[in-house]
Amino acid sequence: MKRSITLVFTFLLPLFAAAQAVDTTATPTFLTLEDALRIALSENASVKVADMEIERTGYARKGTYASLFPQISGSGSYQRTIKKQVMYMDFDIGGMGSMAGGSAGSSGSGDSGDASGSKSTSDGFEVGRWNTWSVGLTASMPLVNAQLWKNLRISQENVELAVEQARSSRLETVNQVKQAFFTCLLSKKAFDVYKSAYENALVNCEQIQRRYNAQKASELDLTRAKTTLANAIPNVYDAESSVLLSLWQLKAVMGVDLDTNIDVAGDLDDFAEHMLYDLNESESLTLENNSTMRQLAIQAEQLADAVMVQQYAYLPTLSLTFNYSLNAMTNDFVFSEYKWSPYSFVGLSLSVPIFSGGQRLNAVRQAKVQARELDVRRADTERQLKIAIRQYLNQMETAMKSYGSARSASETAQKAYDIAAKSYDVGRSTLTDLNDAQYALTQSQLGVCQAIYTFVVAKAGLESTLGADFIDADGNIQLNKTYVNE
């Protein structure tokens, strides 16, 4: 009786735990791969940040173009004189200078004069008033400025770089979602395999228990059957935990709340039909649409323009200026009686660089060194990407070969297990033979799943490296297209 009760609890314990872990009242929302990609491309944080970066660089470009328009500013000032300036003048007695001297209230005493007959004041006279008011309007506009024109080109390239970076974020998001989705399918498939192994072990244990009760099986067989059943339980728990973790990872890359009740639709075997790839076409694969290479190409153009910007610093600049101001000088604060004197001018300003202590020359050299550094990094990046493409192709080829043999092994292992189970029922094989057949069946089924998973993950990585997504027929970036897995 004690053995029977222990055996019942051993059978029912994992079922009770599974019933507690699963909420049967909540039905999850099943998502296909296309559904997961659409949600990720609208909710993923990196995609949102990349789109904001495009908006930011767009504003920066508009700010650079604003430099071509007149820059108008207003000004106003007030000055209170603490000590007036004193003016000294040499003047002719019979001329206007005498009138100026009289108006200044000078005493008329002074030096005896020089040989030319002119005289000068010995004491100066104060000029100006206590309050000075000024308001004005200033405008300037560049007419000839080669550096500014080239900076406009660089600002446009900044926008192009931001757009390409946004495309890179989308490509990376698509790749992450695919890998997370395939990991969920693999985890569910592994759970099914281990669950099937557990169910087989449970059936065998029940059968051996009945045979043992009928004294047709030894206690050793019963003990080994219980051990096999107990060893199968942790694998089921681990597989179930892997399913939950993979779903959380999928939710994270999709950008949805981790408590959202979702599940993946389909089966990993559905993707076995697409495990066909012509490896002879690998020679025609290019990095033309690779996002990293396109970004480096844009950066190379920016550095080339940066060199020209520094070289254009040697050229003169010409600008147009305009100024209009109103000035008033008084000794009181009676604003209604102020007399405002207008003053305005328009002119051209020419600036010719002559000597800067070698600053411009060193700036040109620095920009050229940066351009050479980028060429080295670009060549190394291209080499690494080509290696990655070959690795993906090798993994896909290995997976295709492994899938065929694993599929054949799975069918053979299933047949061998069925034969071993029937043979054990009639007493023509041992429990060891049955356990070996079950182990071989489990490993072969997992091998099939692993081959499919390896292929689809490698293919997703290859597609991301080639960067074929979000590019229209003309080779232009199309970020707003609805993603459909082809």
Protein backbone atom coordinates (compact mmCIF):
# COMPACT_ATOMS: atom_id res chain seq x y z
CA MET A 1 0.00 0.00 0.00
CA LYS A 2 2.82 2.42 0.84
CA ARG A 3 4.44 1.72 -2.51
CA SER A 4 1.18 2.34 -4.32
CA ILE A 5 0.57 5.65 -2.54
CA THR A 6 4.16 6.77 -3.23
CA LEU A 7 3.79 5.83 -6.88
CA VAL A 8 0.48 7.75 -7.19
CA PHE A 9 2.02 10.87 -5.70
CA THR A 10 5.00 10.51 -8.01
CA PHE A 11 2.66 10.44 -11.02
CA LEU A 12 0.36 13.23 -9.92
CA LEU A 13 2.88 15.71 -8.46
CA PRO A 14 4.10 17.13 -11.80
CA LEU A 15 0.52 17.33 -13.05
CA PHE A 16 -0.55 19.32 -9.98
CA ALA A 17 2.41 21.67 -10.40
CA ALA A 18 1.61 22.20 -14.07
CA ALA A 19 -2.03 22.94 -13.23
CA GLN A 20 -0.95 25.59 -10.73
CA ALA A 21 1.52 27.20 -13.16
CA VAL A 22 -0.98 27.53 -16.02
CA ASP A 23 -3.97 29.84 -15.74
CA THR A 24 -6.70 28.01 -17.64
CA THR A 25 -9.05 30.99 -17.47
CA ALA A 26 -6.78 33.22 -19.57
CA THR A 27 -6.44 32.48 -23.26
CA PRO A 28 -3.21 33.81 -24.74
CA THR A 29 -3.10 35.80 -27.94
CA PHE A 30 -1.32 33.76 -30.58
CA LEU A 31 1.06 35.74 -32.79
CA THR A 32 2.58 34.72 -36.08
CA LEU A 33 6.06 35.83 -37.04
CA GLU A 34 4.62 38.61 -39.22
CA ASP A 35 2.47 39.85 -36.32
CA ALA A 36 5.46 39.92 -34.00
CA LEU A 37 7.52 41.88 -36.54
CA ARG A 38 4.79 44.47 -37.10
CA ILE A 39 4.42 45.07 -33.38
CA ALA A 40 8.19 45.29 -32.84
CA LEU A 41 8.68 47.80 -35.66
CA SER A 42 6.16 50.12 -34.00
CA GLU A 43 6.90 49.52 -30.32
CA ASN A 44 10.60 48.67 -30.09
CA ALA A 45 12.58 51.29 -28.15
CA SER A 46 15.59 51.36 -30.49
CA VAL A 47 13.32 51.94 -33.50
CA LYS A 48 11.59 54.85 -31.75
CA VAL A 49 14.92 56.42 -30.76
CA ALA A 50 16.22 56.07 -34.32
CA ASP A 51 13.14 57.81 -35.70
CA MET A 52 13.62 60.64 -33.19
CA GLU A 53 17.22 60.96 -34.34
CA ILE A 54 16.00 61.46 -37.91
CA GLU A 55 13.71 64.22 -36.67
CA ARG A 56 16.56 65.84 -34.72
CA THR A 57 18.97 65.89 -37.66
CA GLY A 58 16.19 67.29 -39.84
CA TYR A 59 15.87 70.25 -37.51
CA ALA A 60 19.65 70.64 -37.48
CA ARG A 61 19.70 70.77 -41.27
CA LYS A 62 17.00 73.46 -41.31
CA GLY A 63 19.06 75.43 -38.81
CA THR A 64 22.07 75.26 -41.13
CA TYR A 65 20.03 76.44 -44.12
CA ALA A 66 18.86 79.38 -42.04
CA SER A 67 22.40 80.76 -42.26
CA LEU A 68 21.75 81.64 -45.90
CA PHE A 69 18.99 84.07 -44.96
CA PRO A 70 19.45 87.55 -43.46
CA GLN A 71 20.11 87.50 -39.76
CA ILE A 72 18.13 90.35 -38.21
CA SER A 73 18.47 91.46 -34.63
CA GLY A 74 17.28 94.42 -32.58
CA SER A 75 19.13 96.22 -29.83
CA GLY A 76 18.51 98.86 -27.23
CA SER A 77 20.76 100.52 -24.71
CA TYR A 78 20.85 103.21 -22.03
CA GLN A 79 23.92 104.93 -20.62
CA ARG A 80 24.17 107.25 -17.65
CA THR A 81 27.23 109.49 -17.73
CA ILE A 82 29.11 109.72 -14.45
CA LYS A 83 31.88 112.02 -15.61
CA LYS A 84 31.67 113.82 -18.93
CA GLN A 85 34.52 113.83 -21.36
CA VAL A 86 36.64 116.99 -21.66
CA MET A 87 37.66 118.23 -25.08
CA TYR A 88 40.62 120.46 -25.91
CA MET A 89 40.76 122.30 -29.22
CA ASP A 90 43.21 124.47 -31.13
CA PHE A 91 41.29 127.05 -33.16
CA ASP A 92 41.69 130.24 -35.13
CA ILE A 93 40.47 133.38 -33.31
CA GLY A 94 38.55 134.66 -36.28
CA GLY A 95 37.08 131.33 -37.30
CA MET A 96 34.37 128.93 -36.21
CA GLY A 97 36.63 127.68 -33.52
CA SER A 98 36.13 131.01 -31.69
CA MET A 99 32.40 130.42 -31.72
CA ALA A 100 32.91 126.90 -30.44
CA GLY A 101 35.12 128.29 -27.70
CA GLY A 102 32.55 130.90 -26.74
CA SER A 103 29.77 128.38 -26.67
CA ALA A 104 31.83 126.25 -24.34
CA GLY A 105 32.07 129.18 -21.92
CA SER A 106 35.83 129.37 -21.94
CA SER A 107 37.45 132.40 -20.35
CA GLY A 108 39.31 133.28 -23.52
CA SER A 109 42.65 133.13 -21.76
CA GLY A 110 45.15 130.78 -23.24
CA ASP A 111 48.52 130.46 -24.72
CA SER A 112 50.07 133.41 -26.55
CA GLY A 113 49.83 131.46 -29.80
CA ASP A 114 52.29 130.02 -32.21
CA ALA A 115 53.94 131.45 -35.29
CA SER A 116 50.95 130.72 -37.50
CA GLY A 117 48.75 133.04 -35.48
CA SER A 118 46.48 130.29 -34.08
CA LYS A 119 45.56 130.00 -30.42
CA SER A 120 44.47 127.08 -28.20
CA THR A 121 42.35 126.79 -25.11
CA SER A 122 44.24 126.26 -21.91
CA ASP A 123 41.20 124.69 -20.21
CA GLY A 124 39.08 122.07 -21.97
CA PHE A 125 35.31 121.98 -22.07
CA GLU A 126 32.91 119.16 -21.25
CA VAL A 127 30.96 117.51 -24.04
CA GLY A 128 27.93 115.23 -24.10
CA ARG A 129 24.86 114.89 -21.93
CA TRP A 130 24.01 112.87 -18.88
CA ASN A 131 21.58 110.38 -20.49
CA THR A 132 22.16 108.50 -23.76
CA TRP A 133 19.41 106.36 -25.33
CA SER A 134 19.84 104.17 -28.37
CA VAL A 135 17.62 101.67 -30.24
CA GLY A 136 18.53 99.99 -33.49
CA LEU A 137 18.08 97.24 -36.04
CA THR A 138 20.95 95.25 -37.56
CA ALA A 139 20.84 92.84 -40.50
CA SER A 140 23.55 90.79 -42.18
CA MET A 141 23.59 88.16 -44.91
CA PRO A 142 26.44 86.12 -46.39
CA LEU A 143 26.96 86.61 -50.11
CA VAL A 144 30.09 84.55 -50.72
CA ASN A 145 31.03 81.91 -48.12
CA ALA A 146 32.36 78.60 -49.45
CA GLN A 147 32.64 77.04 -45.99
CA LEU A 148 28.98 77.70 -45.27
CA TRP A 149 27.87 76.14 -48.55
CA LYS A 150 29.88 73.00 -47.89
CA ASN A 151 28.52 72.78 -44.33
CA LEU A 152 25.04 72.69 -45.86
CA ARG A 153 26.08 69.57 -47.76
CA ILE A 154 27.42 67.99 -44.56
CA SER A 155 24.14 68.69 -42.75
CA GLN A 156 22.27 66.89 -45.54
CA GLU A 157 24.62 63.93 -45.16
CA ASN A 158 23.88 63.90 -41.42
CA VAL A 159 20.21 63.37 -42.22
CA GLU A 160 21.09 60.57 -44.66
CA LEU A 161 23.25 58.95 -41.98
CA ALA A 162 20.42 59.17 -39.42
CA VAL A 163 18.02 57.54 -41.90
CA GLU A 164 20.49 54.72 -42.54
CA GLN A 165 21.00 54.27 -38.80
CA ALA A 166 17.23 54.03 -38.41
CA ARG A 167 17.20 51.34 -41.08
CA SER A 168 20.00 49.55 -39.23
CA SER A 169 17.90 49.62 -36.05
CA ARG A 170 14.98 48.12 -37.93
CA LEU A 171 17.16 45.40 -39.45
CA GLU A 172 18.57 44.53 -36.04
CA THR A 173 15.08 44.52 -34.53
CA VAL A 174 13.80 42.19 -37.26
CA ASN A 175 16.74 39.85 -36.69
CA GLN A 176 16.24 39.84 -32.92
CA VAL A 177 12.50 39.20 -33.24
CA LYS A 178 13.11 36.32 -35.65
CA GLN A 179 15.66 34.72 -33.36
CA ALA A 180 13.42 35.16 -30.30
CA PHE A 181 10.41 33.78 -32.19
CA PHE A 182 12.34 30.74 -33.43
CA THR A 183 13.70 30.20 -29.90
CA CYS A 184 10.12 30.10 -28.63
CA LEU A 185 9.21 27.49 -31.23
CA LEU A 186 12.30 25.45 -30.38
CA SER A 187 11.50 25.63 -26.65
CA LYS A 188 7.93 24.52 -27.25
CA LYS A 189 9.11 21.70 -29.49
CA ALA A 190 11.64 20.58 -26.89
CA PHE A 191 8.91 20.72 -24.25
CA ASP A 192 6.73 18.46 -26.40
CA VAL A 193 9.61 16.01 -26.87
CA TYR A 194 10.42 15.82 -23.15
CA LYS A 195 6.75 15.65 -22.29
CA SER A 196 6.33 12.74 -24.70
CA ALA A 197 9.32 11.04 -23.12
CA TYR A 198 7.78 11.59 -19.70
CA GLU A 199 4.45 10.17 -20.82
CA ASN A 200 6.16 7.11 -22.28
CA ALA A 201 8.07 6.62 -19.04
CA LEU A 202 4.82 6.99 -17.11
CA VAL A 203 3.04 4.39 -19.24
CA ASN A 204 5.97 2.00 -18.92
CA CYS A 205 6.12 2.50 -15.17
CA GLU A 206 2.40 1.81 -14.80
CA GLN A 207 2.71 -1.30 -16.93
CA ILE A 208 5.67 -2.60 -14.97
CA GLN A 209 3.83 -1.86 -11.74
CA ARG A 210 0.95 -4.04 -12.87
CA ARG A 211 3.31 -6.79 -13.96
CA TYR A 212 5.16 -6.52 -10.68
CA ASN A 213 1.89 -6.83 -8.76
CA ALA A 214 1.14 -9.92 -10.83
CA GLN A 215 4.63 -11.22 -10.03
CA LYS A 216 5.63 -11.11 -13.70
CA ALA A 217 8.29 -8.41 -13.31
CA SER A 218 11.18 -8.13 -10.92
CA GLU A 219 11.62 -5.43 -8.32
CA LEU A 220 14.73 -4.30 -10.20
CA ASP A 221 12.66 -3.52 -13.30
CA LEU A 222 10.15 -1.59 -11.19
CA THR A 223 12.91 0.39 -9.49
CA ARG A 224 14.55 1.22 -12.80
CA ALA A 225 11.20 2.27 -14.27
CA LYS A 226 10.60 4.60 -11.35
CA THR A 227 14.10 6.01 -11.75
CA THR A 228 13.53 6.65 -15.46
CA LEU A 229 10.26 8.39 -14.66
CA ALA A 230 11.88 10.52 -11.97
CA ASN A 231 14.71 11.50 -14.34
CA ALA A 232 12.18 12.60 -16.97
CA ILE A 233 10.44 15.08 -14.64
CA PRO A 234 13.31 17.67 -14.38
CA ASN A 235 13.62 17.74 -18.15
CA VAL A 236 9.94 18.65 -18.43
CA TYR A 237 10.32 21.41 -15.85
CA ASP A 238 13.43 22.78 -17.55
CA ALA A 239 11.71 22.75 -20.93
CA GLU A 240 8.67 24.51 -19.49
CA SER A 241 10.89 27.15 -17.91
CA SER A 242 12.67 27.62 -21.25
CA VAL A 243 9.33 28.29 -22.91
CA LEU A 244 8.49 31.02 -20.39
CA LEU A 245 11.94 32.62 -20.66
CA SER A 246 11.84 32.60 -24.46
CA LEU A 247 8.41 34.25 -24.41
CA TRP A 248 9.70 36.96 -22.07
CA GLN A 249 12.63 37.55 -24.41
CA LEU A 250 10.26 37.84 -27.36
CA LYS A 251 8.12 40.36 -25.47
CA ALA A 252 11.23 42.37 -24.58
CA VAL A 253 12.45 42.70 -28.16
CA MET A 254 8.92 43.45 -29.33
CA GLY A 255 8.68 46.29 -26.82
CA VAL A 256 5.48 45.09 -25.11
CA ASP A 257 4.73 44.61 -21.43
CA LEU A 258 6.20 41.41 -19.98
CA ASP A 259 2.86 40.57 -18.36
CA THR A 260 1.09 40.51 -21.74
CA ASN A 261 -0.46 37.09 -22.29
CA ILE A 262 0.83 36.09 -25.72
CA ASP A 263 2.05 32.90 -27.36
CA VAL A 264 3.65 32.03 -30.66
CA ALA A 265 1.58 30.43 -33.38
CA GLY A 266 2.75 27.65 -35.64
CA ASP A 267 5.29 24.89 -35.29
CA LEU A 268 8.99 24.69 -35.93
CA ASP A 269 8.34 21.95 -38.48
CA ASP A 270 6.45 24.51 -40.59
CA PHE A 271 9.77 26.17 -41.43
CA ALA A 272 11.31 22.89 -42.57
CA GLU A 273 9.63 23.42 -45.92
CA HIS A 274 11.81 26.53 -46.46
CA MET A 275 15.10 24.75 -45.77
CA LEU A 276 16.16 25.10 -49.36
CA TYR A 277 18.91 27.50 -50.37
CA ASP A 278 21.03 27.45 -53.49
CA LEU A 279 24.53 27.72 -52.12
CA ASN A 280 25.86 28.23 -55.63
CA GLU A 281 24.38 31.72 -55.52
CA SER A 282 26.68 32.68 -52.66
CA GLU A 283 29.15 34.18 -55.12
CA SER A 284 26.53 36.71 -56.21
CA LEU A 285 25.87 37.92 -52.66
CA THR A 286 27.10 41.47 -52.16
CA LEU A 287 27.28 43.97 -49.32
CA GLU A 288 25.71 46.69 -51.43
CA ASN A 289 22.72 47.02 -49.09
CA ASN A 290 24.54 46.23 -45.86
CA SER A 291 23.68 48.97 -43.39
CA THR A 292 27.13 49.16 -41.83
CA MET A 293 28.83 49.58 -45.20
CA ARG A 294 26.31 52.19 -46.29
CA GLN A 295 26.90 54.14 -43.08
CA LEU A 296 30.66 54.01 -43.63
CA ALA A 297 30.16 55.25 -47.19
CA ILE A 298 28.16 58.23 -45.93
CA GLN A 299 30.79 58.94 -43.29
CA ALA A 300 33.48 58.83 -46.00
CA GLU A 301 31.55 61.48 -47.95
CA GLN A 302 31.27 63.58 -44.80
CA LEU A 303 35.00 63.40 -44.16
CA ALA A 304 35.75 64.30 -47.79
CA ASP A 305 33.50 67.34 -47.43
CA ALA A 306 35.12 68.13 -44.08
CA VAL A 307 38.51 68.27 -45.79
CA MET A 308 37.11 70.71 -48.34
CA VAL A 309 35.56 72.80 -45.56
CA GLN A 310 38.96 73.21 -43.96
CA GLN A 311 40.52 74.03 -47.34
CA TYR A 312 37.82 76.63 -48.03
CA ALA A 313 38.96 78.44 -44.89
CA TYR A 314 41.71 79.95 -47.07
CA LEU A 315 39.12 81.66 -49.29
CA PRO A 316 37.79 85.18 -48.60
CA THR A 317 34.19 85.75 -47.53
CA LEU A 318 31.82 88.53 -48.49
CA SER A 319 28.74 89.59 -46.59
CA LEU A 320 26.13 92.33 -46.79
CA THR A 321 25.36 94.41 -43.70
CA PHE A 322 22.68 96.93 -42.84
CA ASN A 323 22.17 99.06 -39.73
CA TYR A 324 19.49 101.49 -38.63
CA SER A 325 19.50 103.18 -35.24
CA LEU A 326 17.85 106.03 -33.30
CA ASN A 327 19.84 107.96 -30.72
CA ALA A 328 18.84 110.53 -28.11
CA MET A 329 21.01 112.44 -25.62
CA THR A 330 19.33 114.36 -22.80
CA ASN A 331 19.90 115.63 -19.32
CA ASP A 332 16.40 114.76 -18.04
CA PHE A 333 13.79 112.01 -18.25
CA VAL A 334 11.03 113.82 -20.10
CA PHE A 335 10.59 111.21 -22.84
CA SER A 336 7.95 113.18 -24.73
CA GLU A 337 10.45 115.97 -25.48
CA TYR A 338 13.28 113.73 -26.63
CA LYS A 339 14.74 114.40 -30.05
CA TRP A 340 15.67 111.16 -31.73
CA SER A 341 18.42 111.30 -34.33
CA PRO A 342 18.33 108.51 -36.96
CA TYR A 343 21.47 106.87 -38.24
CA SER A 344 21.68 104.11 -40.87
CA PHE A 345 24.08 102.56 -43.32
CA VAL A 346 24.40 99.63 -45.73
CA GLY A 347 27.69 98.12 -46.76
CA LEU A 348 29.75 95.16 -47.87
CA SER A 349 32.18 93.37 -45.62
CA LEU A 350 35.10 91.46 -47.13
CA SER A 351 37.20 89.18 -44.97
CA VAL A 352 40.46 87.85 -46.38
CA PRO A 353 42.34 85.27 -44.25
CA ILE A 354 46.05 85.96 -44.25
CA PHE A 355 47.78 84.30 -41.34
CA SER A 356 46.49 82.07 -38.53
CA GLY A 357 49.65 80.52 -37.17
CA GLY A 358 49.17 77.26 -39.09
CA GLN A 359 45.73 76.54 -37.60
CA ARG A 360 44.00 76.08 -40.96
CA LEU A 361 46.82 73.92 -42.33
CA ASN A 362 46.74 71.58 -39.35
CA ALA A 363 42.94 71.38 -39.55
CA VAL A 364 43.23 70.18 -43.17
CA ARG A 365 45.83 67.60 -42.18
CA GLN A 366 43.66 66.37 -39.33
CA ALA A 367 40.65 65.91 -41.62
CA LYS A 368 42.77 63.97 -44.12
CA VAL A 369 44.07 61.63 -41.40
CA GLN A 370 40.49 60.95 -40.28
CA ALA A 371 39.57 60.09 -43.86
CA ARG A 372 42.44 57.59 -44.08
CA GLU A 373 41.42 56.04 -40.75
CA LEU A 374 37.92 55.53 -42.09
CA ASP A 375 39.28 53.82 -45.21
CA VAL A 376 41.17 51.33 -43.03
CA ARG A 377 38.11 50.64 -40.85
CA ARG A 378 35.94 50.28 -43.92
CA ALA A 379 38.22 47.65 -45.46
CA ASP A 380 38.41 45.71 -42.19
CA THR A 381 34.62 45.87 -41.71
CA GLU A 382 34.03 44.59 -45.23
CA ARG A 383 36.40 41.70 -44.59
CA GLN A 384 34.65 40.77 -41.32
CA LEU A 385 31.22 40.93 -42.96
CA LYS A 386 32.33 38.63 -45.75
CA ILE A 387 33.54 36.16 -43.13
CA ALA A 388 30.15 36.39 -41.39
CA ILE A 389 28.34 35.65 -44.66
CA ARG A 390 30.46 32.56 -45.22
CA GLN A 391 29.79 31.40 -41.66
CA TYR A 392 26.04 31.79 -42.12
CA LEU A 393 26.17 29.89 -45.40
CA ASN A 394 28.24 27.13 -43.81
CA GLN A 395 25.79 26.84 -40.91
CA MET A 396 22.87 26.67 -43.33
CA GLU A 397 24.58 23.97 -45.41
CA THR A 398 25.39 21.96 -42.29
CA ALA A 399 21.83 22.33 -41.02
CA MET A 400 20.37 21.15 -44.33
CA LYS A 401 22.59 18.06 -44.27
CA SER A 402 21.88 17.42 -40.59
CA TYR A 403 18.14 17.77 -41.09
CA GLY A 404 17.98 14.95 -43.61
CA SER A 405 19.94 12.53 -41.44
CA ALA A 406 18.15 13.64 -38.25
CA ARG A 407 14.76 13.14 -39.89
CA SER A 408 15.72 9.65 -41.01
CA ALA A 409 17.13 8.88 -37.57
CA SER A 410 13.93 10.10 -35.90
CA GLU A 411 11.74 7.85 -38.03
CA THR A 412 14.03 4.89 -37.39
CA ALA A 413 14.17 5.64 -33.65
CA GLN A 414 10.37 5.82 -33.47
CA LYS A 415 10.09 2.47 -35.19
CA ALA A 416 12.75 1.00 -32.91
CA TYR A 417 10.95 2.26 -29.82
CA ASP A 418 7.64 0.77 -30.94
CA ILE A 419 9.35 -2.58 -31.56
CA ALA A 420 11.14 -2.44 -28.21
CA ALA A 421 7.90 -1.61 -26.38
CA LYS A 422 6.03 -4.53 -27.97
CA SER A 423 8.97 -6.85 -27.45
CA TYR A 424 9.11 -5.93 -23.79
CA ASP A 425 5.38 -6.59 -23.46
CA VAL A 426 5.86 -10.17 -24.64
CA GLY A 427 9.08 -10.58 -22.67
CA ARG A 428 11.47 -10.75 -25.61
CA SER A 429 13.49 -7.65 -24.64
CA THR A 430 14.67 -6.09 -21.41
CA LEU A 431 13.82 -2.78 -19.80
CA THR A 432 17.31 -1.59 -20.68
CA ASP A 433 16.52 -2.07 -24.35
CA LEU A 434 13.33 -0.08 -23.92
CA ASN A 435 15.10 2.76 -22.12
CA ASP A 436 17.82 2.86 -24.75
CA ALA A 437 15.19 3.07 -27.47
CA GLN A 438 13.44 5.91 -25.62
CA TYR A 439 16.71 7.83 -25.21
CA ALA A 440 17.56 7.40 -28.89
CA LEU A 441 14.09 8.59 -29.86
CA THR A 442 14.35 11.70 -27.67
CA GLN A 443 17.78 12.61 -29.02
CA SER A 444 16.77 12.12 -32.63
CA GLN A 445 13.65 14.28 -32.22
CA LEU A 446 15.71 17.01 -30.58
CA GLY A 447 18.23 16.70 -33.41
CA VAL A 448 15.52 17.43 -35.97
CA CYS A 449 14.40 20.50 -34.04
CA GLN A 450 17.97 21.73 -33.63
CA ALA A 451 18.69 21.36 -37.35
CA ILE A 452 15.65 23.43 -38.30
CA TYR A 453 16.44 26.05 -35.65
CA THR A 454 20.07 26.35 -36.76
CA PHE A 455 19.01 26.87 -40.37
CA VAL A 456 16.34 29.52 -39.77
CA VAL A 457 18.52 31.47 -37.31
CA ALA A 458 21.48 31.42 -39.71
CA LYS A 459 19.22 32.51 -42.56
CA ALA A 460 17.87 35.38 -40.45
CA GLY A 461 21.43 36.47 -39.68
CA LEU A 462 22.36 36.27 -43.37
CA GLU A 463 19.36 38.36 -44.40
CA SER A 464 20.23 40.97 -41.77
CA THR A 465 23.85 41.09 -42.95
CA LEU A 466 22.85 41.47 -46.58
CA GLY A 467 20.40 44.23 -45.56
CA ALA A 468 17.80 43.50 -48.20
CA ASP A 469 14.89 44.75 -46.08
CA PHE A 470 13.55 48.32 -46.17
CA ILE A 471 15.02 48.96 -49.63
CA ASP A 472 12.74 49.65 -52.59
CA ALA A 473 13.29 48.60 -56.19
CA ASP A 474 15.40 51.69 -56.86
CA GLY A 475 17.71 51.05 -53.94
CA ASN A 476 16.24 53.83 -51.80
CA ILE A 477 15.47 53.43 -48.12
CA GLN A 478 11.81 52.82 -47.32
CA LEU A 479 11.35 52.86 -43.56
CA ASN A 480 7.56 53.01 -43.46
CA LYS A 481 6.74 49.90 -45.43
CA THR A 482 4.68 47.18 -43.76
CA TYR A 483 6.90 44.21 -43.10
CA VAL A 484 5.82 40.94 -44.68
CA ASN A 485 8.00 37.89 -44.33
CA GLU A 486 8.60 36.52 -47.80
